[in-house]
């Protein structure tokens, strides 16, 4: 049968699209060594569209923070109103941006590239007649529920979707941070809308005379744009947050749902799914994007041995 390889041990390898040779190359060795080392290089997708979307995301958050702080809170006559809302809004903004960074710079669960080698297949100790799948695009053995991303150019474990706003795939290892990102963005969007509504009422009462340090036309334009931005982001992130929780509780990724794939795995319960994504028992660490933070190395040192480079 075309696309199926029979191994000497009785195992079979099914190539989902086309046949590729199973050879140990220098690139394969370097890739496997970099994944098995104690330190891993920084994960960052060099996609122009994704980097522009990430920059826009940060710019809009900073714009919202500017309008809330300098247009609405600092000119306020109530000291405690300004302090409480300022601390709350800026804290949520920091948590949102931290979640965005963790989502963007965390390996979403990439399968080692080029691991479809004879030596690796022998190390799997497969049962006779067992079928495994090989991705012809990145020459990797695809684990169950892994899908290939054409932008990341890697197979991603439990890939949910590729989000340009975080310039990364949402997968097994960074879904938690994406959920936190959507949650905190929706919270600061709702907070900004509430502050804008209160500010509009205050400015109308004082006839736009003492409600802001800016001129009335500038103040109105800044607040109208903030309302439009907050309403758009609140709608988008609230929907994404709810769909992500639904996927986690049902143990089904967005790709699996859209493709209507029949589950070949044993579904987890809702609490088991939440614990597997957020880690451990429910605690404040579930909502912290700083939990488990480890600084990666930008450029790992490599030493040559026998013509191939190895990470150390």
C-alpha atoms as a PDB file:
ATOM      1  CA  UNK A   1       0.000   0.000   0.000  1.00  0.00           C
ATOM      2  CA  UNK A   2       1.336   3.437  -0.975  1.00  0.00           C
ATOM      3  CA  UNK A   3       2.501   5.591   1.897  1.00  0.00           C
ATOM      4  CA  UNK A   4       3.038   2.707   4.345  1.00  0.00           C
ATOM      5  CA  UNK A   5       6.509   1.525   5.277  1.00  0.00           C
ATOM      6  CA  UNK A   6       7.111  -1.943   6.673  1.00  0.00           C
ATOM      7  CA  UNK A   7       9.931  -2.105   9.176  1.00  0.00           C
ATOM      8  CA  UNK A   8      12.058  -5.201   9.716  1.00  0.00           C
ATOM      9  CA  UNK A   9      10.638  -5.580  13.202  1.00  0.00           C
ATOM     10  CA  UNK A  10       7.127  -5.830  11.893  1.00  0.00           C
ATOM     11  CA  UNK A  11       6.195  -2.253  12.643  1.00  0.00           C
ATOM     12  CA  UNK A  12       4.586   0.025  10.096  1.00  0.00           C
ATOM     13  CA  UNK A  13       5.082   3.721   9.472  1.00  0.00           C
ATOM     14  CA  UNK A  14       2.295   5.544   7.672  1.00  0.00           C
ATOM     15  CA  UNK A  15       3.269   8.719   5.844  1.00  0.00           C
ATOM     16  CA  UNK A  16       0.163  10.889   5.695  1.00  0.00           C
ATOM     17  CA  UNK A  17       1.079  12.585   2.420  1.00  0.00           C
ATOM     18  CA  UNK A  18       4.234  11.287   0.758  1.00  0.00           C
ATOM     19  CA  UNK A  19       7.206   9.067   1.366  1.00  0.00           C
ATOM     20  CA  UNK A  20      10.386  10.474   2.867  1.00  0.00           C
ATOM     21  CA  UNK A  21      13.621   8.573   3.585  1.00  0.00           C
ATOM     22  CA  UNK A  22      14.260   7.639   7.205  1.00  0.00           C
ATOM     23  CA  UNK A  23      17.871   8.705   7.509  1.00  0.00           C
ATOM     24  CA  UNK A  24      19.939  10.131  10.347  1.00  0.00           C
ATOM     25  CA  UNK A  25      21.173  13.514   9.126  1.00  0.00           C
ATOM     26  CA  UNK A  26      23.344  16.080  10.825  1.00  0.00           C
ATOM     27  CA  UNK A  27      20.365  18.429  11.236  1.00  0.00           C
ATOM     28  CA  UNK A  28      18.348  15.661  12.881  1.00  0.00           C
ATOM     29  CA  UNK A  29      21.105  14.984  15.399  1.00  0.00           C
ATOM     30  CA  UNK A  30      21.477  18.661  16.279  1.00  0.00           C
ATOM     31  CA  UNK A  31      17.709  19.032  16.663  1.00  0.00           C
ATOM     32  CA  UNK A  32      17.384  16.066  18.986  1.00  0.00           C
ATOM     33  CA  UNK A  33      20.354  17.147  21.061  1.00  0.00           C
ATOM     34  CA  UNK A  34      18.961  20.662  21.484  1.00  0.00           C
ATOM     35  CA  UNK A  35      15.681  19.239  22.771  1.00  0.00           C
ATOM     36  CA  UNK A  36      17.310  16.797  25.165  1.00  0.00           C
ATOM     37  CA  UNK A  37      19.630  19.391  26.751  1.00  0.00           C
ATOM     38  CA  UNK A  38      18.987  21.089  30.051  1.00  0.00           C
ATOM     39  CA  UNK A  39      18.751  24.532  28.437  1.00  0.00           C
ATOM     40  CA  UNK A  40      16.541  25.278  25.451  1.00  0.00           C
ATOM     41  CA  UNK A  41      16.808  28.162  23.008  1.00  0.00           C
ATOM     42  CA  UNK A  42      14.247  30.935  23.088  1.00  0.00           C
ATOM     43  CA  UNK A  43      11.067  29.999  21.227  1.00  0.00           C
ATOM     44  CA  UNK A  44      10.016  32.785  18.891  1.00  0.00           C
ATOM     45  CA  UNK A  45       8.164  32.575  15.576  1.00  0.00           C
ATOM     46  CA  UNK A  46       9.626  34.932  12.975  1.00  0.00           C
ATOM     47  CA  UNK A  47       6.384  35.635  11.168  1.00  0.00           C
ATOM     48  CA  UNK A  48       5.868  39.196   9.885  1.00  0.00           C
ATOM     49  CA  UNK A  49       2.082  39.130  10.281  1.00  0.00           C
ATOM     50  CA  UNK A  50       2.309  37.705  13.792  1.00  0.00           C
ATOM     51  CA  UNK A  51       4.952  40.207  14.909  1.00  0.00           C
ATOM     52  CA  UNK A  52       2.865  43.117  13.568  1.00  0.00           C
ATOM     53  CA  UNK A  53      -0.258  41.802  15.349  1.00  0.00           C
ATOM     54  CA  UNK A  54       1.697  41.385  18.591  1.00  0.00           C
ATOM     55  CA  UNK A  55       3.008  44.948  18.290  1.00  0.00           C
ATOM     56  CA  UNK A  56      -0.527  46.238  17.678  1.00  0.00           C
ATOM     57  CA  UNK A  57      -1.757  44.354  20.746  1.00  0.00           C
ATOM     58  CA  UNK A  58       0.861  45.945  22.989  1.00  0.00           C
ATOM     59  CA  UNK A  59       0.263  49.385  21.448  1.00  0.00           C
ATOM     60  CA  UNK A  60      -3.479  49.206  22.114  1.00  0.00           C
ATOM     61  CA  UNK A  61      -2.919  48.139  25.725  1.00  0.00           C
ATOM     62  CA  UNK A  62      -0.500  51.037  26.263  1.00  0.00           C
ATOM     63  CA  UNK A  63      -2.973  53.423  24.624  1.00  0.00           C
ATOM     64  CA  UNK A  64      -5.742  52.252  26.944  1.00  0.00           C
ATOM     65  CA  UNK A  65      -3.432  52.666  29.931  1.00  0.00           C
ATOM     66  CA  UNK A  66      -2.535  56.210  28.810  1.00  0.00           C
ATOM     67  CA  UNK A  67      -6.151  57.305  28.406  1.00  0.00           C
ATOM     68  CA  UNK A  68      -7.263  55.709  31.679  1.00  0.00           C
ATOM     69  CA  UNK A  69      -4.354  57.123  33.682  1.00  0.00           C
ATOM     70  CA  UNK A  70      -3.746  60.587  32.209  1.00  0.00           C
ATOM     71  CA  UNK A  71      -7.156  61.485  30.785  1.00  0.00           C
ATOM     72  CA  UNK A  72      -9.551  60.026  33.357  1.00  0.00           C
ATOM     73  CA  UNK A  73      -7.854  59.219  36.671  1.00  0.00           C
ATOM     74  CA  UNK A  74      -5.150  61.828  37.335  1.00  0.00           C
ATOM     75  CA  UNK A  75      -7.501  64.822  36.787  1.00  0.00           C
ATOM     76  CA  UNK A  76     -10.085  63.238  39.090  1.00  0.00           C
ATOM     77  CA  UNK A  77     -10.996  65.163  42.245  1.00  0.00           C
ATOM     78  CA  UNK A  78     -11.348  61.958  44.250  1.00  0.00           C
ATOM     79  CA  UNK A  79      -7.936  60.757  45.413  1.00  0.00           C
ATOM     80  CA  UNK A  80      -9.017  57.252  46.406  1.00  0.00           C
ATOM     81  CA  UNK A  81     -11.059  56.800  43.215  1.00  0.00           C
ATOM     82  CA  UNK A  82      -7.961  57.526  41.164  1.00  0.00           C
ATOM     83  CA  UNK A  83      -5.643  55.367  43.296  1.00  0.00           C
ATOM     84  CA  UNK A  84      -7.872  52.297  43.513  1.00  0.00           C
ATOM     85  CA  UNK A  85      -8.826  52.277  39.857  1.00  0.00           C
ATOM     86  CA  UNK A  86      -5.291  53.138  38.754  1.00  0.00           C
ATOM     87  CA  UNK A  87      -3.720  50.298  40.726  1.00  0.00           C
ATOM     88  CA  UNK A  88      -6.408  47.840  39.613  1.00  0.00           C
ATOM     89  CA  UNK A  89      -6.242  48.742  35.923  1.00  0.00           C
ATOM     90  CA  UNK A  90      -2.441  48.790  35.730  1.00  0.00           C
ATOM     91  CA  UNK A  91      -2.157  45.523  37.650  1.00  0.00           C
ATOM     92  CA  UNK A  92      -4.531  43.810  35.226  1.00  0.00           C
ATOM     93  CA  UNK A  93      -2.639  45.340  32.291  1.00  0.00           C
ATOM     94  CA  UNK A  94       0.680  43.974  33.587  1.00  0.00           C
ATOM     95  CA  UNK A  95      -0.855  40.519  34.055  1.00  0.00           C
ATOM     96  CA  UNK A  96      -2.341  40.657  30.541  1.00  0.00           C
ATOM     97  CA  UNK A  97       0.966  41.620  28.920  1.00  0.00           C
ATOM     98  CA  UNK A  98       2.872  39.053  30.983  1.00  0.00           C
ATOM     99  CA  UNK A  99       0.411  36.383  29.834  1.00  0.00           C
ATOM    100  CA  UNK A 100       0.911  37.562  26.249  1.00  0.00           C
ATOM    101  CA  UNK A 101       4.703  37.250  26.543  1.00  0.00           C
ATOM    102  CA  UNK A 102       4.453  33.774  28.093  1.00  0.00           C
ATOM    103  CA  UNK A 103       2.072  32.662  25.334  1.00  0.00           C
ATOM    104  CA  UNK A 104       4.299  34.065  22.596  1.00  0.00           C
ATOM    105  CA  UNK A 105       7.659  32.837  23.913  1.00  0.00           C
ATOM    106  CA  UNK A 106       6.605  29.426  25.259  1.00  0.00           C
ATOM    107  CA  UNK A 107       7.090  26.321  23.158  1.00  0.00           C
ATOM    108  CA  UNK A 108       3.487  25.229  22.523  1.00  0.00           C
ATOM    109  CA  UNK A 109       4.496  21.578  22.369  1.00  0.00           C
ATOM    110  CA  UNK A 110       6.535  21.256  19.190  1.00  0.00           C
ATOM    111  CA  UNK A 111       7.452  17.739  18.151  1.00  0.00           C
ATOM    112  CA  UNK A 112      11.225  17.350  17.629  1.00  0.00           C
ATOM    113  CA  UNK A 113      11.934  18.088  13.992  1.00  0.00           C
ATOM    114  CA  UNK A 114      13.328  15.303  11.878  1.00  0.00           C
ATOM    115  CA  UNK A 115      12.972  12.524  14.467  1.00  0.00           C
ATOM    116  CA  UNK A 116      11.597  10.018  11.928  1.00  0.00           C
ATOM    117  CA  UNK A 117      14.803   7.993  11.878  1.00  0.00           C
ATOM    118  CA  UNK A 118      15.428   4.278  12.056  1.00  0.00           C
ATOM    119  CA  UNK A 119      17.258   4.623  15.341  1.00  0.00           C
ATOM    120  CA  UNK A 120      14.386   6.582  16.897  1.00  0.00           C
ATOM    121  CA  UNK A 121      11.800   4.092  15.646  1.00  0.00           C
ATOM    122  CA  UNK A 122      13.740   1.236  17.212  1.00  0.00           C
ATOM    123  CA  UNK A 123      13.839   3.120  20.528  1.00  0.00           C
ATOM    124  CA  UNK A 124      10.015   3.359  20.577  1.00  0.00           C
ATOM    125  CA  UNK A 125       9.719  -0.418  21.117  1.00  0.00           C
ATOM    126  CA  UNK A 126       6.482  -0.595  19.160  1.00  0.00           C
ATOM    127  CA  UNK A 127       4.315  -3.669  19.101  1.00  0.00           C
ATOM    128  CA  UNK A 128       4.231  -5.734  15.882  1.00  0.00           C
ATOM    129  CA  UNK A 129       1.707  -4.314  13.418  1.00  0.00           C
ATOM    130  CA  UNK A 130       1.364  -1.018  15.280  1.00  0.00           C
ATOM    131  CA  UNK A 131       0.879   1.992  12.978  1.00  0.00           C
ATOM    132  CA  UNK A 132       2.578   5.330  13.599  1.00  0.00           C
ATOM    133  CA  UNK A 133       2.226   8.507  11.556  1.00  0.00           C
ATOM    134  CA  UNK A 134       4.968  10.570  10.016  1.00  0.00           C
ATOM    135  CA  UNK A 135       4.592  14.201   8.964  1.00  0.00           C
ATOM    136  CA  UNK A 136       6.115  14.655   5.490  1.00  0.00           C
ATOM    137  CA  UNK A 137       6.536  18.409   6.025  1.00  0.00           C
ATOM    138  CA  UNK A 138       8.816  18.377   9.069  1.00  0.00           C
ATOM    139  CA  UNK A 139       9.837  14.695   8.892  1.00  0.00           C
ATOM    140  CA  UNK A 140       8.602  13.997  12.428  1.00  0.00           C
ATOM    141  CA  UNK A 141       6.782  11.135  14.078  1.00  0.00           C
ATOM    142  CA  UNK A 142       3.390  12.634  14.914  1.00  0.00           C
ATOM    143  CA  UNK A 143       2.064  11.797  18.381  1.00  0.00           C
ATOM    144  CA  UNK A 144      -1.633  11.347  18.843  1.00  0.00           C
ATOM    145  CA  UNK A 145      -3.609  14.612  18.562  1.00  0.00           C
ATOM    146  CA  UNK A 146      -0.655  16.482  17.024  1.00  0.00           C
ATOM    147  CA  UNK A 147      -1.177  18.689  13.961  1.00  0.00           C
ATOM    148  CA  UNK A 148       1.236  20.458  11.639  1.00  0.00           C
ATOM    149  CA  UNK A 149       1.258  24.273  11.638  1.00  0.00           C
ATOM    150  CA  UNK A 150       2.239  25.819   8.324  1.00  0.00           C
ATOM    151  CA  UNK A 151       3.322  29.066  10.036  1.00  0.00           C
ATOM    152  CA  UNK A 152       5.386  27.545  12.856  1.00  0.00           C
ATOM    153  CA  UNK A 153       6.531  24.826  10.408  1.00  0.00           C
ATOM    154  CA  UNK A 154       6.331  22.245  13.171  1.00  0.00           C
ATOM    155  CA  UNK A 155       3.936  19.617  14.416  1.00  0.00           C
ATOM    156  CA  UNK A 156       2.324  20.822  17.656  1.00  0.00           C
ATOM    157  CA  UNK A 157       0.958  18.524  20.360  1.00  0.00           C
ATOM    158  CA  UNK A 158      -2.743  19.155  21.064  1.00  0.00           C
ATOM    159  CA  UNK A 159      -2.695  22.128  18.714  1.00  0.00           C
ATOM    160  CA  UNK A 160      -5.798  24.247  19.222  1.00  0.00           C
ATOM    161  CA  UNK A 161      -5.126  26.969  16.633  1.00  0.00           C
ATOM    162  CA  UNK A 162      -2.486  29.450  15.494  1.00  0.00           C
ATOM    163  CA  UNK A 163      -3.199  32.920  16.856  1.00  0.00           C
ATOM    164  CA  UNK A 164      -1.500  35.830  15.053  1.00  0.00           C
ATOM    165  CA  UNK A 165      -2.215  38.154  17.994  1.00  0.00           C
ATOM    166  CA  UNK A 166       0.215  36.169  20.142  1.00  0.00           C
ATOM    167  CA  UNK A 167       2.419  35.178  17.181  1.00  0.00           C
ATOM    168  CA  UNK A 168       2.356  31.534  18.178  1.00  0.00           C
ATOM    169  CA  UNK A 169       0.357  28.354  18.157  1.00  0.00           C
ATOM    170  CA  UNK A 170      -1.858  27.567  21.122  1.00  0.00           C
ATOM    171  CA  UNK A 171      -0.992  24.048  22.146  1.00  0.00           C
ATOM    172  CA  UNK A 172      -0.328  21.671  24.978  1.00  0.00           C
ATOM    173  CA  UNK A 173       2.304  23.747  26.810  1.00  0.00           C
ATOM    174  CA  UNK A 174       1.075  27.329  26.434  1.00  0.00           C
ATOM    175  CA  UNK A 175      -2.725  27.035  26.406  1.00  0.00           C
ATOM    176  CA  UNK A 176      -2.843  28.093  30.048  1.00  0.00           C
ATOM    177  CA  UNK A 177      -1.132  31.411  29.289  1.00  0.00           C
ATOM    178  CA  UNK A 178      -3.426  32.044  26.327  1.00  0.00           C
ATOM    179  CA  UNK A 179      -6.472  31.504  28.544  1.00  0.00           C
ATOM    180  CA  UNK A 180      -5.032  33.959  31.095  1.00  0.00           C
ATOM    181  CA  UNK A 181      -4.301  36.464  28.321  1.00  0.00           C
ATOM    182  CA  UNK A 182      -7.886  36.422  27.058  1.00  0.00           C
ATOM    183  CA  UNK A 183      -9.217  36.611  30.619  1.00  0.00           C
ATOM    184  CA  UNK A 184      -7.127  39.639  31.646  1.00  0.00           C
ATOM    185  CA  UNK A 185      -7.723  41.484  28.361  1.00  0.00           C
ATOM    186  CA  UNK A 186     -11.480  41.024  28.768  1.00  0.00           C
ATOM    187  CA  UNK A 187     -11.225  42.277  32.364  1.00  0.00           C
ATOM    188  CA  UNK A 188      -9.300  45.454  31.530  1.00  0.00           C
ATOM    189  CA  UNK A 189     -11.631  46.051  28.566  1.00  0.00           C
ATOM    190  CA  UNK A 190     -14.675  45.859  30.827  1.00  0.00           C
ATOM    191  CA  UNK A 191     -12.942  48.061  33.396  1.00  0.00           C
ATOM    192  CA  UNK A 192     -12.083  50.641  30.703  1.00  0.00           C
ATOM    193  CA  UNK A 193     -15.687  50.698  29.482  1.00  0.00           C
ATOM    194  CA  UNK A 194     -16.960  51.285  33.015  1.00  0.00           C
ATOM    195  CA  UNK A 195     -14.458  54.106  33.580  1.00  0.00           C
ATOM    196  CA  UNK A 196     -15.375  55.701  30.248  1.00  0.00           C
ATOM    197  CA  UNK A 197     -19.073  55.631  31.105  1.00  0.00           C
ATOM    198  CA  UNK A 198     -18.454  57.240  34.483  1.00  0.00           C
ATOM    199  CA  UNK A 199     -16.139  59.840  32.917  1.00  0.00           C
ATOM    200  CA  UNK A 200     -18.691  60.783  30.267  1.00  0.00           C
ATOM    201  CA  UNK A 201     -21.310  61.377  32.943  1.00  0.00           C
ATOM    202  CA  UNK A 202     -18.864  63.444  35.033  1.00  0.00           C
ATOM    203  CA  UNK A 203     -17.782  65.563  32.061  1.00  0.00           C
ATOM    204  CA  UNK A 204     -21.383  66.277  31.060  1.00  0.00           C
ATOM    205  CA  UNK A 205     -22.181  67.441  34.608  1.00  0.00           C
ATOM    206  CA  UNK A 206     -19.289  69.912  34.678  1.00  0.00           C
ATOM    207  CA  UNK A 207     -19.829  70.797  30.999  1.00  0.00           C
ATOM    208  CA  UNK A 208     -16.393  69.431  30.023  1.00  0.00           C
ATOM    209  CA  UNK A 209     -14.686  72.200  31.926  1.00  0.00           C
ATOM    210  CA  UNK A 210     -12.754  70.418  34.674  1.00  0.00           C
ATOM    211  CA  UNK A 211     -13.028  66.725  33.824  1.00  0.00           C
ATOM    212  CA  UNK A 212      -9.680  66.490  32.013  1.00  0.00           C
ATOM    213  CA  UNK A 213      -6.391  68.308  31.484  1.00  0.00           C
ATOM    214  CA  UNK A 214      -6.901  67.983  27.735  1.00  0.00           C
ATOM    215  CA  UNK A 215      -9.235  70.108  25.640  1.00  0.00           C
ATOM    216  CA  UNK A 216     -12.849  68.856  25.371  1.00  0.00           C
ATOM    217  CA  UNK A 217     -12.561  67.780  21.676  1.00  0.00           C
ATOM    218  CA  UNK A 218      -9.335  65.845  22.330  1.00  0.00           C
ATOM    219  CA  UNK A 219     -10.766  64.287  25.475  1.00  0.00           C
ATOM    220  CA  UNK A 220     -13.879  63.176  23.636  1.00  0.00           C
ATOM    221  CA  UNK A 221     -11.931  61.671  20.721  1.00  0.00           C
ATOM    222  CA  UNK A 222      -9.570  59.775  23.023  1.00  0.00           C
ATOM    223  CA  UNK A 223     -12.440  58.362  25.079  1.00  0.00           C
ATOM    224  CA  UNK A 224     -14.552  57.420  22.046  1.00  0.00           C
ATOM    225  CA  UNK A 225     -11.647  55.510  20.504  1.00  0.00           C
ATOM    226  CA  UNK A 226     -10.989  53.798  23.832  1.00  0.00           C
ATOM    227  CA  UNK A 227     -14.660  52.770  24.077  1.00  0.00           C
ATOM    228  CA  UNK A 228     -14.563  51.284  20.574  1.00  0.00           C
ATOM    229  CA  UNK A 229     -11.312  49.459  21.313  1.00  0.00           C
ATOM    230  CA  UNK A 230     -12.527  48.156  24.675  1.00  0.00           C
ATOM    231  CA  UNK A 231     -15.859  46.984  23.272  1.00  0.00           C
ATOM    232  CA  UNK A 232     -14.146  45.148  20.389  1.00  0.00           C
ATOM    233  CA  UNK A 233     -11.546  43.494  22.602  1.00  0.00           C
ATOM    234  CA  UNK A 234     -14.086  42.609  25.274  1.00  0.00           C
ATOM    235  CA  UNK A 235     -16.287  40.830  22.739  1.00  0.00           C
ATOM    236  CA  UNK A 236     -13.412  39.002  21.060  1.00  0.00           C
ATOM    237  CA  UNK A 237     -11.514  37.913  24.180  1.00  0.00           C
ATOM    238  CA  UNK A 238     -14.651  36.954  26.127  1.00  0.00           C
ATOM    239  CA  UNK A 239     -15.694  34.646  23.284  1.00  0.00           C
ATOM    240  CA  UNK A 240     -12.179  33.172  23.035  1.00  0.00           C
ATOM    241  CA  UNK A 241     -11.995  32.713  26.816  1.00  0.00           C
ATOM    242  CA  UNK A 242     -15.297  30.837  26.900  1.00  0.00           C
ATOM    243  CA  UNK A 243     -14.412  28.640  23.904  1.00  0.00           C
ATOM    244  CA  UNK A 244     -11.029  27.788  25.442  1.00  0.00           C
ATOM    245  CA  UNK A 245     -12.631  26.745  28.731  1.00  0.00           C
ATOM    246  CA  UNK A 246     -15.192  24.721  26.799  1.00  0.00           C
ATOM    247  CA  UNK A 247     -12.427  22.946  24.870  1.00  0.00           C
ATOM    248  CA  UNK A 248     -10.468  22.208  28.041  1.00  0.00           C
ATOM    249  CA  UNK A 249     -13.496  20.871  29.909  1.00  0.00           C
ATOM    250  CA  UNK A 250     -14.514  18.687  26.937  1.00  0.00           C
ATOM    251  CA  UNK A 251     -10.913  17.600  26.246  1.00  0.00           C
ATOM    252  CA  UNK A 252     -11.250  18.610  22.597  1.00  0.00           C
ATOM    253  CA  UNK A 253      -9.155  21.129  20.683  1.00  0.00           C
ATOM    254  CA  UNK A 254     -10.630  23.621  18.232  1.00  0.00           C
ATOM    255  CA  UNK A 255      -9.045  21.786  15.274  1.00  0.00           C
ATOM    256  CA  UNK A 256     -10.537  18.492  16.411  1.00  0.00           C
ATOM    257  CA  UNK A 257     -13.933  20.132  16.781  1.00  0.00           C
ATOM    258  CA  UNK A 258     -13.836  21.800  13.358  1.00  0.00           C
ATOM    259  CA  UNK A 259     -12.657  18.594  11.683  1.00  0.00           C
ATOM    260  CA  UNK A 260     -15.269  16.641  13.619  1.00  0.00           C
ATOM    261  CA  UNK A 261     -12.645  14.071  14.559  1.00  0.00           C
ATOM    262  CA  UNK A 262     -13.879  11.092  16.496  1.00  0.00           C
ATOM    263  CA  UNK A 263     -11.862  10.775  19.707  1.00  0.00           C
ATOM    264  CA  UNK A 264      -9.518   7.794  19.745  1.00  0.00           C
ATOM    265  CA  UNK A 265      -8.241   8.821  23.171  1.00  0.00           C
ATOM    266  CA  UNK A 266      -9.870   8.490  26.564  1.00  0.00           C
ATOM    267  CA  UNK A 267     -11.500  11.812  27.402  1.00  0.00           C
ATOM    268  CA  UNK A 268     -10.556  13.446  30.685  1.00  0.00           C
ATOM    269  CA  UNK A 269     -13.103  14.727  33.139  1.00  0.00           C
ATOM    270  CA  UNK A 270     -13.597  18.479  33.421  1.00  0.00           C
ATOM    271  CA  UNK A 271     -11.520  18.863  36.565  1.00  0.00           C
ATOM    272  CA  UNK A 272      -8.822  16.568  35.217  1.00  0.00           C
ATOM    273  CA  UNK A 273      -8.654  18.667  32.042  1.00  0.00           C
ATOM    274  CA  UNK A 274      -8.375  21.902  34.018  1.00  0.00           C
ATOM    275  CA  UNK A 275      -5.670  20.453  36.259  1.00  0.00           C
ATOM    276  CA  UNK A 276      -3.678  19.183  33.267  1.00  0.00           C
ATOM    277  CA  UNK A 277      -3.717  22.644  31.652  1.00  0.00           C
ATOM    278  CA  UNK A 278      -3.273  24.875  34.723  1.00  0.00           C
ATOM    279  CA  UNK A 279      -1.255  22.395  36.789  1.00  0.00           C
ATOM    280  CA  UNK A 280      -2.023  20.825  40.158  1.00  0.00           C
ATOM    281  CA  UNK A 281      -4.891  21.601  42.460  1.00  0.00           C
ATOM    282  CA  UNK A 282      -6.819  24.912  42.219  1.00  0.00           C
ATOM    283  CA  UNK A 283      -4.788  27.786  43.692  1.00  0.00           C
ATOM    284  CA  UNK A 284      -3.757  31.365  42.977  1.00  0.00           C
ATOM    285  CA  UNK A 285      -0.989  29.974  40.774  1.00  0.00           C
ATOM    286  CA  UNK A 286      -3.675  29.107  38.218  1.00  0.00           C
ATOM    287  CA  UNK A 287      -4.209  32.797  37.474  1.00  0.00           C
ATOM    288  CA  UNK A 288      -0.542  33.843  37.647  1.00  0.00           C
ATOM    289  CA  UNK A 289       1.391  34.102  34.366  1.00  0.00           C
ATOM    290  CA  UNK A 290       4.623  34.171  36.379  1.00  0.00           C
ATOM    291  CA  UNK A 291       4.233  30.671  37.853  1.00  0.00           C
ATOM    292  CA  UNK A 292       6.986  28.317  36.743  1.00  0.00           C
ATOM    293  CA  UNK A 293       8.890  31.073  34.966  1.00  0.00           C
ATOM    294  CA  UNK A 294      12.302  29.973  33.752  1.00  0.00           C
ATOM    295  CA  UNK A 295      14.448  32.279  31.663  1.00  0.00           C
ATOM    296  CA  UNK A 296      15.546  30.532  28.441  1.00  0.00           C
ATOM    297  CA  UNK A 297      18.938  30.996  26.810  1.00  0.00           C
ATOM    298  CA  UNK A 298      18.991  33.121  23.689  1.00  0.00           C
ATOM    299  CA  UNK A 299      21.963  31.444  22.024  1.00  0.00           C
ATOM    300  CA  UNK A 300      23.044  28.119  23.551  1.00  0.00           C
ATOM    301  CA  UNK A 301      26.713  27.265  23.293  1.00  0.00           C
ATOM    302  CA  UNK A 302      27.572  24.572  20.795  1.00  0.00           C
ATOM    303  CA  UNK A 303      30.629  22.386  20.511  1.00  0.00           C
ATOM    304  CA  UNK A 304      31.673  20.394  17.516  1.00  0.00           C
ATOM    305  CA  UNK A 305      32.187  16.680  17.694  1.00  0.00           C
ATOM    306  CA  UNK A 306      32.714  14.494  14.700  1.00  0.00           C
ATOM    307  CA  UNK A 307      31.492  17.156  12.248  1.00  0.00           C
ATOM    308  CA  UNK A 308      28.168  17.802  14.034  1.00  0.00           C
ATOM    309  CA  UNK A 309      27.265  20.566  16.475  1.00  0.00           C
ATOM    310  CA  UNK A 310      25.922  19.756  19.925  1.00  0.00           C
ATOM    311  CA  UNK A 311      24.259  22.051  22.453  1.00  0.00           C
ATOM    312  CA  UNK A 312      25.798  22.125  25.912  1.00  0.00           C
END
